[in-house]
Amino acid sequence: TSCEVTDYPSPSTEDVYFILDEIKNYLSSDIQVRRGDVLAAWSGIRPLVLNPNKKDTQSIARNHIIHVSDSGLVTIG
């Protein structure tokens, strides 16, 4: 989705609670993670990586792409 681009993006309260809800899927049911357990949070704006062989925005990858150049530089987008 589109978002406002800022110099210092930060996660919203909804973002933090979304992650906390997702964590529950990977932890034992007897472990209760609460908002107070979050010591730090950060966010960024992830650009969509365009496939040069595709013509429309529906074909833009929404996952990570890893490219290793001939010189060994690793780019994760």
N, C-alpha and C. Protein backbone atom coordinates (compact mmCIF):
# COMPACT_ATOMS: atom_id res chain seq x y z
N THR A 1 0.83 -1.18 0.00
CA THR A 1 0.00 0.00 0.00
C THR A 1 0.87 1.24 0.00
N SER A 2 0.34 2.30 -0.48
CA SER A 2 1.08 3.56 -0.48
C SER A 2 1.19 4.09 0.94
N CYS A 3 2.26 4.80 1.19
CA CYS A 3 2.43 5.40 2.51
C CYS A 3 3.19 6.70 2.36
N GLU A 4 3.08 7.52 3.38
CA GLU A 4 3.82 8.78 3.40
C GLU A 4 5.29 8.47 3.67
N VAL A 5 6.17 9.06 2.89
CA VAL A 5 7.60 8.84 3.07
C VAL A 5 8.12 9.93 4.01
N THR A 6 8.71 9.50 5.12
CA THR A 6 9.28 10.44 6.08
C THR A 6 10.75 10.13 6.28
N ASP A 7 11.48 11.09 6.84
CA ASP A 7 12.90 10.87 7.10
C ASP A 7 13.12 9.84 8.20
N TYR A 8 12.19 9.76 9.15
CA TYR A 8 12.35 8.86 10.29
C TYR A 8 11.06 8.07 10.50
N PRO A 9 10.84 7.05 9.67
CA PRO A 9 9.60 6.27 9.84
C PRO A 9 9.62 5.52 11.16
N SER A 10 8.46 5.38 11.76
CA SER A 10 8.35 4.62 13.01
C SER A 10 7.09 3.77 12.95
N PRO A 11 7.11 2.63 13.63
CA PRO A 11 5.94 1.75 13.58
C PRO A 11 4.78 2.34 14.36
N SER A 12 3.59 2.12 13.86
CA SER A 12 2.39 2.58 14.57
C SER A 12 2.07 1.58 15.67
N THR A 13 1.19 1.97 16.57
CA THR A 13 0.73 1.07 17.62
C THR A 13 0.11 -0.17 16.99
N GLU A 14 -0.65 0.02 15.92
CA GLU A 14 -1.27 -1.11 15.22
C GLU A 14 -0.21 -2.06 14.67
N ASP A 15 0.89 -1.51 14.14
CA ASP A 15 1.98 -2.35 13.63
C ASP A 15 2.56 -3.23 14.73
N VAL A 16 2.79 -2.63 15.89
CA VAL A 16 3.37 -3.37 17.02
C VAL A 16 2.43 -4.49 17.45
N TYR A 17 1.15 -4.19 17.58
CA TYR A 17 0.19 -5.22 17.99
C TYR A 17 0.03 -6.30 16.92
N PHE A 18 0.16 -5.94 15.67
CA PHE A 18 0.11 -6.94 14.60
C PHE A 18 1.25 -7.94 14.77
N ILE A 19 2.46 -7.43 15.00
CA ILE A 19 3.61 -8.32 15.20
C ILE A 19 3.42 -9.17 16.44
N LEU A 20 2.93 -8.58 17.52
CA LEU A 20 2.69 -9.35 18.74
C LEU A 20 1.69 -10.48 18.49
N ASP A 21 0.65 -10.20 17.71
CA ASP A 21 -0.32 -11.24 17.38
C ASP A 21 0.31 -12.34 16.53
N GLU A 22 1.17 -11.97 15.60
CA GLU A 22 1.84 -12.96 14.76
C GLU A 22 2.80 -13.83 15.56
N ILE A 23 3.47 -13.24 16.54
CA ILE A 23 4.41 -13.99 17.37
C ILE A 23 3.71 -15.15 18.07
N LYS A 24 2.46 -14.95 18.44
CA LYS A 24 1.70 -16.00 19.14
C LYS A 24 1.63 -17.29 18.34
N ASN A 25 1.71 -17.19 17.02
CA ASN A 25 1.66 -18.37 16.16
C ASN A 25 2.91 -19.23 16.26
N TYR A 26 3.98 -18.69 16.83
CA TYR A 26 5.25 -19.39 16.87
C TYR A 26 5.72 -19.74 18.28
N LEU A 27 5.02 -19.25 19.28
CA LEU A 27 5.41 -19.50 20.67
C LEU A 27 4.46 -20.50 21.31
N SER A 28 4.94 -21.12 22.35
CA SER A 28 4.10 -22.02 23.13
C SER A 28 2.93 -21.22 23.71
N SER A 29 1.78 -21.87 23.83
CA SER A 29 0.58 -21.16 24.31
C SER A 29 0.71 -20.68 25.75
N ASP A 30 1.66 -21.22 26.50
CA ASP A 30 1.83 -20.76 27.88
C ASP A 30 2.72 -19.51 27.98
N ILE A 31 3.25 -19.05 26.85
CA ILE A 31 4.06 -17.83 26.82
C ILE A 31 3.18 -16.68 26.38
N GLN A 32 3.04 -15.68 27.22
CA GLN A 32 2.22 -14.51 26.92
C GLN A 32 3.12 -13.30 26.68
N VAL A 33 3.16 -12.82 25.46
CA VAL A 33 3.94 -11.64 25.11
C VAL A 33 3.00 -10.44 25.10
N ARG A 34 3.38 -9.41 25.84
CA ARG A 34 2.55 -8.21 25.96
C ARG A 34 3.29 -6.99 25.42
N ARG A 35 2.56 -5.93 25.22
CA ARG A 35 3.14 -4.68 24.70
C ARG A 35 4.28 -4.20 25.58
N GLY A 36 4.17 -4.38 26.88
CA GLY A 36 5.22 -3.95 27.79
C GLY A 36 6.52 -4.73 27.63
N ASP A 37 6.46 -5.87 26.95
CA ASP A 37 7.67 -6.67 26.71
C ASP A 37 8.49 -6.12 25.55
N VAL A 38 7.91 -5.23 24.76
CA VAL A 38 8.61 -4.66 23.61
C VAL A 38 9.52 -3.55 24.10
N LEU A 39 10.82 -3.74 23.96
CA LEU A 39 11.79 -2.76 24.43
C LEU A 39 12.15 -1.73 23.36
N ALA A 40 12.05 -2.11 22.11
CA ALA A 40 12.37 -1.20 21.01
C ALA A 40 11.61 -1.66 19.77
N ALA A 41 11.32 -0.73 18.90
CA ALA A 41 10.66 -1.05 17.64
C ALA A 41 11.13 -0.05 16.59
N TRP A 42 11.25 -0.51 15.38
CA TRP A 42 11.65 0.37 14.29
C TRP A 42 10.96 -0.10 13.03
N SER A 43 10.93 0.75 12.05
CA SER A 43 10.32 0.39 10.78
C SER A 43 11.05 1.11 9.66
N GLY A 44 10.73 0.72 8.47
CA GLY A 44 11.30 1.34 7.30
C GLY A 44 10.32 1.21 6.16
N ILE A 45 10.63 1.81 5.07
CA ILE A 45 9.78 1.73 3.90
C ILE A 45 10.47 0.81 2.90
N ARG A 46 9.82 -0.32 2.64
CA ARG A 46 10.40 -1.31 1.74
C ARG A 46 9.93 -1.03 0.32
N PRO A 47 10.85 -0.74 -0.57
CA PRO A 47 10.44 -0.51 -1.95
C PRO A 47 10.05 -1.82 -2.62
N LEU A 48 9.18 -1.74 -3.60
CA LEU A 48 8.86 -2.91 -4.39
C LEU A 48 9.94 -3.07 -5.45
N VAL A 49 10.36 -4.31 -5.67
CA VAL A 49 11.41 -4.59 -6.64
C VAL A 49 10.77 -4.92 -7.98
N LEU A 50 11.03 -4.10 -8.98
CA LEU A 50 10.42 -4.25 -10.29
C LEU A 50 11.12 -5.33 -11.09
N ASN A 51 10.34 -6.21 -11.67
CA ASN A 51 10.87 -7.21 -12.59
C ASN A 51 10.91 -6.56 -13.98
N PRO A 52 12.09 -6.39 -14.56
CA PRO A 52 12.18 -5.70 -15.86
C PRO A 52 11.48 -6.45 -16.99
N ASN A 53 11.16 -7.72 -16.78
CA ASN A 53 10.48 -8.51 -17.81
C ASN A 53 8.96 -8.39 -17.73
N LYS A 54 8.44 -7.68 -16.74
CA LYS A 54 7.00 -7.53 -16.56
C LYS A 54 6.62 -6.08 -16.84
N LYS A 55 5.40 -5.88 -17.30
CA LYS A 55 4.97 -4.55 -17.70
C LYS A 55 4.00 -3.88 -16.72
N ASP A 56 3.38 -4.64 -15.82
CA ASP A 56 2.37 -4.05 -14.95
C ASP A 56 2.79 -4.10 -13.48
N THR A 57 2.15 -3.28 -12.67
CA THR A 57 2.50 -3.22 -11.25
C THR A 57 2.05 -4.45 -10.49
N GLN A 58 1.10 -5.21 -11.02
CA GLN A 58 0.67 -6.44 -10.34
C GLN A 58 1.78 -7.48 -10.33
N SER A 59 2.74 -7.34 -11.23
CA SER A 59 3.83 -8.31 -11.33
C SER A 59 5.03 -7.93 -10.47
N ILE A 60 4.93 -6.81 -9.76
CA ILE A 60 6.04 -6.38 -8.91
C ILE A 60 6.16 -7.35 -7.74
N ALA A 61 7.38 -7.78 -7.47
CA ALA A 61 7.61 -8.74 -6.38
C ALA A 61 7.28 -8.11 -5.03
N ARG A 62 6.58 -8.85 -4.21
CA ARG A 62 6.28 -8.40 -2.86
C ARG A 62 7.05 -9.23 -1.84
N ASN A 63 8.09 -9.85 -2.29
CA ASN A 63 8.96 -10.60 -1.40
C ASN A 63 10.38 -10.06 -1.56
N HIS A 64 11.30 -10.64 -0.88
CA HIS A 64 12.67 -10.16 -0.94
C HIS A 64 13.39 -10.75 -2.15
N ILE A 65 14.23 -9.96 -2.74
CA ILE A 65 15.08 -10.42 -3.83
C ILE A 65 16.52 -10.20 -3.39
N ILE A 66 17.34 -11.22 -3.53
CA ILE A 66 18.75 -11.14 -3.16
C ILE A 66 19.57 -11.23 -4.45
N HIS A 67 20.47 -10.27 -4.62
CA HIS A 67 21.33 -10.25 -5.80
C HIS A 67 22.78 -10.18 -5.35
N VAL A 68 23.60 -11.07 -5.87
CA VAL A 68 25.03 -11.05 -5.59
C VAL A 68 25.73 -10.66 -6.88
N SER A 69 26.44 -9.53 -6.84
CA SER A 69 27.13 -9.05 -8.04
C SER A 69 28.40 -9.85 -8.28
N ASP A 70 29.00 -9.66 -9.45
CA ASP A 70 30.25 -10.35 -9.78
C ASP A 70 31.35 -10.02 -8.79
N SER A 71 31.30 -8.82 -8.20
CA SER A 71 32.33 -8.42 -7.23
C SER A 71 32.05 -8.95 -5.83
N GLY A 72 30.88 -9.59 -5.64
CA GLY A 72 30.55 -10.15 -4.33
C GLY A 72 29.65 -9.27 -3.48
N LEU A 73 29.25 -8.10 -4.01
CA LEU A 73 28.35 -7.23 -3.27
C LEU A 73 26.97 -7.88 -3.19
N VAL A 74 26.43 -7.98 -1.99
CA VAL A 74 25.11 -8.57 -1.79
C VAL A 74 24.11 -7.45 -1.58
N THR A 75 23.07 -7.45 -2.41
CA THR A 75 22.00 -6.47 -2.30
C THR A 75 20.71 -7.21 -1.98
N ILE A 76 20.03 -6.77 -0.93
CA ILE A 76 18.75 -7.36 -0.54
C ILE A 76 17.70 -6.29 -0.71
N GLY A 77 16.73 -6.58 -1.53
CA GLY A 77 15.68 -5.60 -1.78
C GLY A 77 14.32 -6.20 -1.61
